[in-house]
Amino acid sequence: MRRELRKLVLLGLLFAVAVAAIAIPRIDFSVFGNRLERGNKDTFLGLTLGLDLQGGTHLVYRGINEGGDTPSVDDMEGARRIIEGRVNQFGLSEPTVQLIGTPPDRILVQLPGLKGEAITVRFTGDTVTVDQIKESLASAEIGRPDAEVTRNDDGSVTLQFDKLSPAQRDATGSVIKESEANRIQAAFRSRFPATVFVSYPTTPPAIPTPVPGATSTPAATSPPVASATSTPFRVPTLEDVQRIITGLGVTGASIAQTNPGTFTVQVPNFRADAVDSAGDVVLGHDSQIRDALFVEFGQPTIFSTIGDLQQFTVGGGVQEAKHLIGQTAQLEFLERTCSPLLPADTSQPW
């Protein structure tokens, strides 16, 4: 009877310890100068979940020499080190990069928590909220309410998808349907217009009064300054700005006057300055508006643009891992041809 009682007491103590371990996932205390620490804010009691529990990416690469024969152990180890160095750039917790096979001819890459595809967007001035992006993704135009949207510390926003549909092409290779990422980008540019702020002074600039007997000589390096009387001073009106915007062909622009000489121009499908294939600069909407206003009314005192889609990067997840690893895990051996040690002509410097 006593033996059975001791067993029950022992089982009860073990059960109590197990319950306490589950109830207190984070342990950190000191006993007689010895610190006992286990667990962290990310994992339960410091345990690491496998890919079958937490999800992630499992990749296997087979090594084949250019001649078709099996690579040596040193070749495979060199490729493994290269892949491991690139995998560490993802900043994931405990990735696995190891050789498999006897002799090793494959490389196993396990990336915990890495899955799906992601789009990173950034609007200047952080004018677009996470809720607005979620609402746009859930619209009939895009139809992706399943996307996870999070704002990053640097102000950018990450859209996480299980999968993004690629572009569809016909037999000749021409695109018949844009990729899902391109359609999302076009919808964002249309839904979230950029805003151009323009402000002109309402009084003419003061002309300095010359001091009798004083002379001044401009520095030789100073740029020429246009005379204040070269263009008659006039504060632009709302009709003036509307006429200029219409003449530039900026479709869908919404123009408002907040104060005399101060205007806001909302431009959907905003296009920033870019460089074409020939290397020539193609002016964006804001540069075109600024130049057109300058010709007629001179330089504005305030001209700024916020809310334009400054960044739209497609990557993350499995596709980015495959692209990065596939680019860097290739070893190329070249033979170096050295020049002769002595010059062919002793009269020439060598």
Protein backbone atom coordinates (compact mmCIF):
# COMPACT_ATOMS: atom_id res chain seq x y z
CA MET A 1 0.00 0.00 0.00
CA ARG A 2 2.79 2.40 0.88
CA ARG A 3 4.59 1.53 -2.35
CA GLU A 4 1.49 2.35 -4.38
CA LEU A 5 1.10 5.60 -2.45
CA ARG A 6 4.69 6.61 -3.20
CA LYS A 7 4.08 5.94 -6.91
CA LEU A 8 1.00 8.13 -6.86
CA VAL A 9 2.88 10.91 -5.07
CA LEU A 10 5.71 10.67 -7.59
CA LEU A 11 3.29 10.78 -10.52
CA GLY A 12 1.55 13.75 -8.93
CA LEU A 13 4.84 15.62 -8.59
CA LEU A 14 5.75 14.89 -12.19
CA PHE A 15 2.33 16.05 -13.31
CA ALA A 16 2.69 19.27 -11.27
CA VAL A 17 6.11 19.95 -12.78
CA ALA A 18 4.73 19.39 -16.29
CA VAL A 19 1.80 21.75 -15.66
CA ALA A 20 4.17 24.39 -14.25
CA ALA A 21 6.45 24.06 -17.29
CA ILE A 22 3.52 24.64 -19.64
CA ALA A 23 2.10 27.50 -17.56
CA ILE A 24 5.50 29.24 -17.32
CA PRO A 25 7.06 29.06 -20.82
CA ARG A 26 9.79 31.56 -19.90
CA ILE A 27 12.23 30.63 -17.10
CA ASP A 28 14.95 33.00 -15.90
CA PHE A 29 16.20 33.00 -12.29
CA SER A 30 19.40 32.50 -10.28
CA VAL A 31 20.10 29.95 -7.52
CA PHE A 32 23.29 30.30 -5.47
CA GLY A 33 24.91 32.37 -8.18
CA ASN A 34 23.92 29.94 -10.95
CA ARG A 35 21.56 31.38 -13.54
CA LEU A 36 18.87 29.14 -15.00
CA GLU A 37 17.43 30.48 -18.25
CA ARG A 38 15.28 28.75 -20.80
CA GLY A 39 12.79 29.80 -23.41
CA ASN A 40 12.36 33.09 -25.26
CA LYS A 41 9.62 35.25 -26.64
CA ASP A 42 9.60 33.46 -30.01
CA THR A 43 9.64 29.76 -29.12
CA PHE A 44 8.16 27.69 -26.31
CA LEU A 45 10.88 26.80 -23.77
CA GLY A 46 13.50 27.28 -26.47
CA LEU A 47 12.17 24.37 -28.52
CA THR A 48 12.61 24.54 -32.28
CA LEU A 49 9.68 23.40 -34.40
CA GLY A 50 10.35 21.50 -37.59
CA LEU A 51 9.08 22.44 -41.03
CA ASP A 52 6.11 20.07 -40.60
CA LEU A 53 4.86 22.18 -37.65
CA GLN A 54 5.87 25.78 -38.37
CA GLY A 55 6.00 25.66 -42.16
CA GLY A 56 8.80 26.75 -44.41
CA THR A 57 10.74 25.85 -47.54
CA HIS A 58 12.48 22.57 -48.29
CA LEU A 59 14.89 22.60 -51.25
CA VAL A 60 17.20 19.88 -52.55
CA TYR A 61 19.95 20.68 -55.11
CA ARG A 62 21.82 17.98 -56.99
CA GLY A 63 25.40 18.68 -57.98
CA ILE A 64 26.43 17.83 -61.56
CA ASN A 65 29.75 18.76 -63.11
CA GLU A 66 29.82 20.42 -66.49
CA GLY A 67 31.09 17.20 -68.08
CA GLY A 68 28.21 15.23 -66.58
CA ASP A 69 30.25 13.27 -64.03
CA THR A 70 29.70 13.25 -60.27
CA PRO A 71 31.37 16.17 -58.42
CA SER A 72 33.93 15.49 -55.75
CA VAL A 73 33.35 15.94 -52.03
CA ASP A 74 35.41 19.16 -52.08
CA ASP A 75 33.30 20.56 -54.92
CA MET A 76 30.08 19.81 -53.04
CA GLU A 77 31.44 21.29 -49.81
CA GLY A 78 32.44 24.46 -51.66
CA ALA A 79 28.94 24.79 -53.13
CA ARG A 80 27.42 24.13 -49.71
CA ARG A 81 29.44 26.94 -48.11
CA ILE A 82 28.36 29.36 -50.84
CA ILE A 83 24.70 28.46 -50.38
CA GLU A 84 24.99 28.70 -46.59
CA GLY A 85 26.49 32.18 -46.85
CA ARG A 86 23.60 33.35 -49.01
CA VAL A 87 20.93 31.64 -46.93
CA ASN A 88 22.16 33.51 -43.84
CA GLN A 89 21.17 36.78 -45.55
CA PHE A 90 17.51 35.87 -45.06
CA GLY A 91 17.90 36.32 -41.30
CA LEU A 92 15.85 33.21 -40.55
CA SER A 93 16.05 31.25 -37.33
CA GLU A 94 18.21 28.13 -37.57
CA PRO A 95 18.27 27.40 -41.32
CA THR A 96 19.72 24.04 -42.37
CA VAL A 97 22.21 23.64 -45.23
CA GLN A 98 23.84 20.19 -45.32
CA LEU A 99 25.20 17.58 -47.72
CA ILE A 100 23.26 14.37 -48.26
CA GLY A 101 24.17 11.19 -50.05
CA THR A 102 27.11 8.75 -49.89
CA PRO A 103 29.24 10.10 -51.43
CA PRO A 104 27.47 13.48 -51.08
CA ASP A 105 25.92 14.60 -54.37
CA ARG A 106 23.00 16.70 -53.09
CA ILE A 107 22.55 19.74 -50.87
CA LEU A 108 19.56 19.98 -48.52
CA VAL A 109 18.31 23.50 -47.73
CA GLN A 110 15.60 23.94 -45.09
CA LEU A 111 14.35 27.49 -44.48
CA PRO A 112 11.93 27.59 -41.51
CA GLY A 113 9.14 30.14 -41.80
CA LEU A 114 9.95 31.00 -45.43
CA LYS A 115 6.96 30.44 -47.66
CA GLY A 116 4.82 32.09 -50.28
CA GLU A 117 5.69 35.30 -52.11
CA ALA A 118 5.77 38.90 -50.96
CA ILE A 119 5.46 42.41 -52.36
CA THR A 120 7.06 45.35 -50.58
CA VAL A 121 5.59 48.79 -51.28
CA ARG A 122 6.48 52.25 -50.06
CA PHE A 123 4.63 55.52 -50.57
CA THR A 124 6.48 58.78 -49.98
CA GLY A 125 5.24 60.50 -46.88
CA ASP A 126 3.53 57.29 -45.64
CA THR A 127 0.25 58.65 -46.96
CA VAL A 128 -1.35 55.23 -47.50
CA THR A 129 -2.41 53.24 -44.44
CA VAL A 130 -2.41 49.47 -43.95
CA ASP A 131 -6.22 49.49 -43.82
CA GLN A 132 -6.42 51.26 -47.18
CA ILE A 133 -4.10 48.68 -48.73
CA LYS A 134 -6.16 45.82 -47.27
CA GLU A 135 -9.34 47.39 -48.64
CA SER A 136 -7.74 47.73 -52.06
CA LEU A 137 -6.54 44.10 -52.07
CA ALA A 138 -10.03 42.90 -51.14
CA SER A 139 -11.67 44.88 -53.97
CA ALA A 140 -13.10 43.15 -57.04
CA GLU A 141 -10.34 44.73 -59.11
CA ILE A 142 -7.60 42.74 -57.31
CA GLY A 143 -9.51 40.06 -55.41
CA ARG A 144 -6.84 39.05 -52.88
CA PRO A 145 -8.40 39.47 -49.40
CA ASP A 146 -6.23 36.56 -48.22
CA ALA A 147 -3.02 38.64 -48.29
CA GLU A 148 -1.34 39.45 -44.99
CA VAL A 149 -0.42 43.15 -44.77
CA THR A 150 2.12 44.42 -42.23
CA ARG A 151 3.93 47.72 -41.84
CA ASN A 152 7.70 47.50 -41.39
CA ASP A 153 9.88 49.65 -39.13
CA ASP A 154 11.30 51.57 -42.11
CA GLY A 155 7.83 52.71 -43.22
CA SER A 156 7.41 50.21 -46.05
CA VAL A 157 4.51 47.76 -46.18
CA THR A 158 4.85 44.04 -46.93
CA LEU A 159 2.06 42.10 -48.65
CA GLN A 160 2.41 38.35 -48.08
CA PHE A 161 0.77 35.91 -50.51
CA ASP A 162 0.72 32.14 -50.74
CA LYS A 163 1.24 32.47 -54.48
CA LEU A 164 1.16 35.14 -57.20
CA SER A 165 -0.05 34.25 -60.68
CA PRO A 166 2.58 34.74 -63.41
CA ALA A 167 1.95 36.43 -66.75
CA GLN A 168 0.14 34.43 -69.43
CA ARG A 169 1.69 34.32 -72.92
CA ASP A 170 0.54 33.05 -76.28
CA ALA A 171 2.44 30.73 -78.64
CA THR A 172 4.57 33.61 -79.91
CA GLY A 173 5.61 34.70 -76.40
CA SER A 174 3.47 37.84 -76.34
CA VAL A 175 1.81 38.67 -73.03
CA ILE A 176 -1.94 38.15 -73.21
CA LYS A 177 -2.53 38.68 -69.48
CA GLU A 178 -0.32 40.63 -67.13
CA SER A 179 1.12 38.99 -64.05
CA GLU A 180 -0.80 39.41 -60.82
CA ALA A 181 1.99 41.57 -59.36
CA ASN A 182 1.77 43.97 -62.32
CA ARG A 183 -2.00 44.16 -61.96
CA ILE A 184 -1.66 44.99 -58.26
CA GLN A 185 0.89 47.70 -59.05
CA ALA A 186 -1.38 49.26 -61.68
CA ALA A 187 -4.32 49.20 -59.26
CA PHE A 188 -2.27 50.90 -56.53
CA ARG A 189 -1.14 53.67 -58.90
CA SER A 190 -4.76 54.27 -59.91
CA ARG A 191 -6.28 54.05 -56.43
CA PHE A 192 -3.62 56.05 -54.58
CA PRO A 193 -2.81 59.20 -56.57
CA ALA A 194 0.27 61.27 -55.80
CA THR A 195 -0.22 64.86 -54.63
CA VAL A 196 1.84 67.75 -55.97
CA PHE A 197 1.97 70.89 -53.77
CA VAL A 198 2.63 74.24 -55.48
CA SER A 199 2.85 77.63 -53.78
CA TYR A 200 3.63 81.08 -55.21
CA PRO A 201 4.08 84.33 -53.26
CA THR A 202 1.13 86.72 -53.40
CA THR A 203 3.32 89.84 -53.35
CA PRO A 204 6.06 90.75 -55.83
CA PRO A 205 9.64 90.14 -54.70
CA ALA A 206 11.38 93.18 -53.23
CA ILE A 207 14.08 94.78 -55.38
CA PRO A 208 17.15 95.76 -53.32
CA THR A 209 17.66 99.54 -53.03
CA PRO A 210 21.20 100.56 -54.02
CA VAL A 211 23.24 102.28 -51.33
CA PRO A 212 24.82 105.57 -52.51
CA GLY A 213 28.55 105.20 -53.05
CA ALA A 214 28.51 101.42 -52.58
CA THR A 215 29.73 99.12 -55.31
CA SER A 216 29.50 95.37 -55.56
CA THR A 217 31.19 92.93 -57.86
CA PRO A 218 29.56 89.51 -58.24
CA ALA A 219 31.83 86.53 -57.71
CA ALA A 220 33.10 84.90 -60.86
CA THR A 221 31.66 81.56 -59.82
CA SER A 222 28.16 82.86 -58.99
CA PRO A 223 25.45 81.65 -61.38
CA PRO A 224 23.52 84.32 -63.30
CA VAL A 225 20.34 85.47 -61.57
CA ALA A 226 17.32 86.46 -63.61
CA SER A 227 16.07 90.01 -63.10
CA ALA A 228 12.95 90.37 -61.01
CA THR A 229 11.45 92.63 -63.69
CA SER A 230 12.23 90.29 -66.64
CA THR A 231 8.75 88.66 -66.29
CA PRO A 232 5.73 90.68 -65.12
CA PHE A 233 4.71 89.48 -61.69
CA ARG A 234 1.38 87.68 -61.59
CA VAL A 235 -0.05 85.21 -59.10
CA PRO A 236 -1.38 82.12 -60.93
CA THR A 237 -5.08 81.42 -60.58
CA LEU A 238 -6.87 78.08 -60.40
CA GLU A 239 -7.84 78.49 -64.06
CA ASP A 240 -4.16 79.03 -64.97
CA VAL A 241 -3.06 75.83 -63.27
CA GLN A 242 -5.94 73.86 -64.78
CA ARG A 243 -5.01 75.15 -68.24
CA ILE A 244 -1.37 74.13 -67.79
CA ILE A 245 -2.25 70.66 -66.49
CA THR A 246 -4.66 70.12 -69.38
CA GLY A 247 -2.02 71.23 -71.88
CA LEU A 248 0.40 68.65 -70.48
CA GLY A 249 -2.09 65.85 -71.09
CA VAL A 250 -2.13 64.69 -67.46
CA THR A 251 -5.38 62.72 -67.47
CA GLY A 252 -7.54 62.36 -64.40
CA ALA A 253 -5.75 65.08 -62.41
CA SER A 254 -7.72 66.80 -59.64
CA ILE A 255 -6.70 70.43 -58.98
CA ALA A 256 -7.68 72.47 -55.95
CA GLN A 257 -6.71 75.90 -54.61
CA THR A 258 -6.18 75.97 -50.85
CA ASN A 259 -5.02 79.62 -50.60
CA PRO A 260 -4.22 82.41 -53.07
CA GLY A 261 -1.23 81.16 -55.05
CA THR A 262 -1.26 77.74 -53.36
CA PHE A 263 -2.55 74.63 -55.13
CA THR A 264 -2.70 70.84 -54.81
CA VAL A 265 -2.68 68.60 -57.86
CA GLN A 266 -3.66 64.96 -57.36
CA VAL A 267 -2.26 62.80 -60.16
CA PRO A 268 -3.48 59.20 -60.53
CA ASN A 269 -1.14 56.77 -62.30
CA PHE A 270 1.71 59.07 -61.30
CA ARG A 271 4.93 58.64 -63.28
CA ALA A 272 8.27 59.74 -61.82
CA ASP A 273 11.42 60.70 -63.74
CA ALA A 274 12.95 57.72 -65.52
CA VAL A 275 15.66 56.80 -68.00
CA ASP A 276 14.71 55.05 -71.25
CA SER A 277 16.65 52.33 -73.04
CA ALA A 278 18.68 54.93 -74.94
CA GLY A 279 19.88 56.55 -71.71
CA ASP A 280 17.74 59.67 -72.12
CA VAL A 281 15.84 61.13 -69.17
CA VAL A 282 12.05 60.95 -69.48
CA LEU A 283 10.47 63.64 -67.31
CA GLY A 284 7.81 62.51 -64.88
CA HIS A 285 4.54 64.26 -64.14
CA ASP A 286 5.94 66.42 -61.34
CA SER A 287 8.89 67.63 -63.43
CA GLN A 288 6.60 68.45 -66.36
CA ILE A 289 4.27 70.45 -64.11
CA ARG A 290 7.15 72.32 -62.46
CA ASP A 291 8.78 73.24 -65.79
CA ALA A 292 5.49 74.40 -67.32
CA LEU A 293 4.71 76.60 -64.31
CA PHE A 294 8.24 78.02 -64.28
CA VAL A 295 7.99 79.17 -67.91
CA GLU A 296 4.89 81.26 -67.23
CA PHE A 297 5.11 82.23 -63.56
CA GLY A 298 8.71 81.67 -62.51
CA GLN A 299 10.07 79.48 -59.75
CA PRO A 300 7.50 78.56 -57.05
CA THR A 301 8.48 79.03 -53.44
CA ILE A 302 7.19 75.55 -52.54
CA PHE A 303 7.05 72.54 -54.85
CA SER A 304 6.89 69.04 -53.41
CA THR A 305 5.36 65.65 -54.17
CA ILE A 306 4.10 63.08 -51.67
CA GLY A 307 2.12 59.89 -51.95
CA ASP A 308 3.78 58.49 -55.06
CA LEU A 309 4.56 54.77 -55.21
CA GLN A 310 8.28 55.02 -54.54
CA GLN A 311 8.95 51.27 -54.14
CA PHE A 312 7.24 48.17 -55.50
CA THR A 313 9.45 45.10 -55.06
CA VAL A 314 8.30 41.57 -55.79
CA GLY A 315 10.21 38.85 -53.99
CA GLY A 316 10.36 37.06 -50.70
CA GLY A 317 9.45 33.52 -49.97
CA VAL A 318 10.28 30.53 -52.11
CA GLN A 319 10.84 32.36 -55.37
CA GLU A 320 13.38 34.76 -53.88
CA ALA A 321 15.21 31.88 -52.18
CA LYS A 322 15.41 29.91 -55.43
CA HIS A 323 16.56 32.96 -57.35
CA LEU A 324 19.23 33.94 -54.84
CA ILE A 325 20.58 30.43 -54.30
CA GLY A 326 20.51 29.57 -57.99
CA GLN A 327 22.46 32.68 -58.87
CA THR A 328 25.21 32.29 -56.30
CA ALA A 329 25.67 28.54 -55.96
CA GLN A 330 27.54 28.16 -59.23
CA LEU A 331 31.30 27.62 -59.15
CA GLU A 332 33.33 28.62 -62.19
CA PHE A 333 37.02 27.71 -62.53
CA LEU A 334 39.12 29.73 -64.98
CA GLU A 335 42.70 29.27 -66.09
CA ARG A 336 44.85 32.31 -65.61
CA THR A 337 47.34 33.21 -68.35
CA CYS A 338 50.25 35.25 -67.00
CA SER A 339 52.38 37.70 -68.96
CA PRO A 340 56.10 36.98 -69.41
CA LEU A 341 58.36 38.01 -66.56
CA LEU A 342 60.71 40.00 -68.83
CA PRO A 343 59.79 42.66 -71.40
CA ALA A 344 60.03 41.84 -75.09
CA ASP A 345 61.85 45.13 -75.63
CA THR A 346 64.30 46.13 -72.90
CA SER A 347 64.02 49.79 -73.89
CA GLN A 348 60.37 49.91 -72.87
CA PRO A 349 59.33 50.31 -69.23
CA TRP A 350 57.95 47.10 -67.71
